Structures are given as structure tokens and as C-alpha cells.
Protein backbone atom coordinates (compact mmCIF):
# COMPACT_ATOMS: atom_id res chain seq x y z
CA UNK A 1 -10.67 -5.41 2.71
CA UNK A 2 -7.11 -4.99 1.67
CA UNK A 3 -4.77 -7.17 -0.27
CA UNK A 4 -1.40 -4.98 -0.06
CA UNK A 5 0.18 -4.20 3.51
CA UNK A 6 2.67 -1.39 3.92
CA UNK A 7 4.21 -3.37 7.15
CA UNK A 8 3.56 -0.22 9.12
CA UNK A 9 1.77 -2.17 12.13
CA UNK A 10 4.69 -4.65 12.03
CA UNK A 11 8.19 -4.81 11.12
CA UNK A 12 8.52 -1.84 9.01
CA UNK A 13 9.72 1.10 10.84
CA UNK A 14 11.34 3.08 8.28
CA UNK A 15 9.95 5.20 5.33
CA UNK A 16 12.15 3.45 2.92
CA UNK A 17 10.89 -0.04 4.33
CA UNK A 18 7.12 0.91 3.93
CA UNK A 19 8.07 2.45 0.36
CA UNK A 20 9.53 -1.23 -0.70
CA UNK A 21 6.78 -3.14 0.94
CA UNK A 22 4.17 -1.09 -1.02
CA UNK A 23 6.39 -1.36 -4.39
CA UNK A 24 6.86 -4.92 -3.91
CA UNK A 25 3.02 -5.83 -2.97
CA UNK A 26 1.25 -3.71 -5.75
CA UNK A 27 3.70 -5.30 -8.38
CA UNK A 28 1.84 -8.39 -7.68
CA UNK A 29 -1.92 -7.38 -8.26
CA UNK A 30 -3.91 -6.36 -11.12
CA UNK A 31 -6.10 -4.27 -8.51
CA UNK A 32 -4.35 -3.38 -4.99
CA UNK A 33 -6.03 -2.02 -1.87
CA UNK A 34 -3.08 -0.92 0.44
CA UNK A 35 -3.44 -1.11 4.33
CA UNK A 36 -1.33 2.01 5.91
CA UNK A 37 -1.63 3.51 9.29
CA UNK A 38 -1.67 7.57 8.79
CA UNK A 39 -0.69 7.87 12.35
CA UNK A 40 2.59 6.40 11.75
CA UNK A 41 5.38 9.34 10.74
CA UNK A 42 7.50 7.17 8.64
CA UNK A 43 4.04 5.83 6.65
CA UNK A 44 3.32 9.41 5.56
CA UNK A 45 6.97 10.01 4.65
CA UNK A 46 6.93 6.96 2.45
CA UNK A 47 3.68 8.46 0.24
CA UNK A 48 6.10 11.31 -0.66
CA UNK A 49 7.67 8.76 -2.78
CA UNK A 50 5.53 6.19 -3.18
CA UNK A 51 2.51 8.15 -4.65
CA UNK A 52 5.21 9.98 -7.31
CA UNK A 53 6.65 6.33 -8.16
CA UNK A 54 3.11 4.81 -8.78
CA UNK A 55 2.01 7.65 -10.86
CA UNK A 56 5.15 7.45 -13.24
CA UNK A 57 4.80 3.66 -13.23
CA UNK A 58 1.30 3.84 -14.56
CA UNK A 59 -0.69 3.26 -11.31
CA UNK A 60 -3.90 5.20 -10.65
CA UNK A 61 -5.57 5.96 -7.27
CA UNK A 62 -9.27 5.84 -6.85
CA UNK A 63 -11.60 6.27 -4.15
CA UNK A 64 -13.39 3.10 -2.55
CA UNK A 65 -16.92 2.54 -3.47
CA UNK A 66 -19.35 -0.17 -2.99
CA UNK A 67 -18.62 -1.03 -6.66
CA UNK A 68 -15.29 -1.26 -6.20
CA UNK A 69 -13.14 -4.60 -6.88
CA UNK A 70 -13.19 -6.16 -3.87
CA UNK A 71 -9.46 -7.53 -2.57
CA UNK A 72 -8.83 -9.94 0.32
CA UNK A 73 -5.66 -10.43 2.32
CA UNK A 74 -4.39 -13.87 3.01
CA UNK A 75 -5.04 -15.62 6.39
CA UNK A 76 -1.78 -16.34 8.23
CA UNK A 77 -2.87 -18.40 11.35
């Protein structure tokens, strides 16, 4: 599952908005599993800023495995 949304399937239609959503989302979590869609050009563009920003701010990136910490998004219905 995921616990941080880029918003790229909803209201975020620019790289800057996706970047802001990711920054805000990971700041609130000890462990973040981020939902992004690589089919969205603006999301791919946002990664060019987000990945360096995250690394410069002490975040790490890891591959998900069956032993990864669990993450669950909230229910909005």
C-alpha cells in the first residue's frame, strides 16, 4: 500500500504541484511509500527536483520487499 500521494491522478497537473505534494507528504511520515504514476509527464519531471531534494534532506530510497514496513493510506469515503 502507500501513505503519500503525489496527487498526480487528481488535482496536481504540474511538476511543481506534484513536488509540493510529495514534500508535504513525506514530512509527516517516519516511513513513506509514495504513490506516483510514471505515465504522467509532469510527475516524471517532478522527480528531477524531488529526488535530489529528498537526498539532500536526509531521505533514502529503498526497494519494497515483503519485509518492508507497512504503509496504509487513509480512507476518504
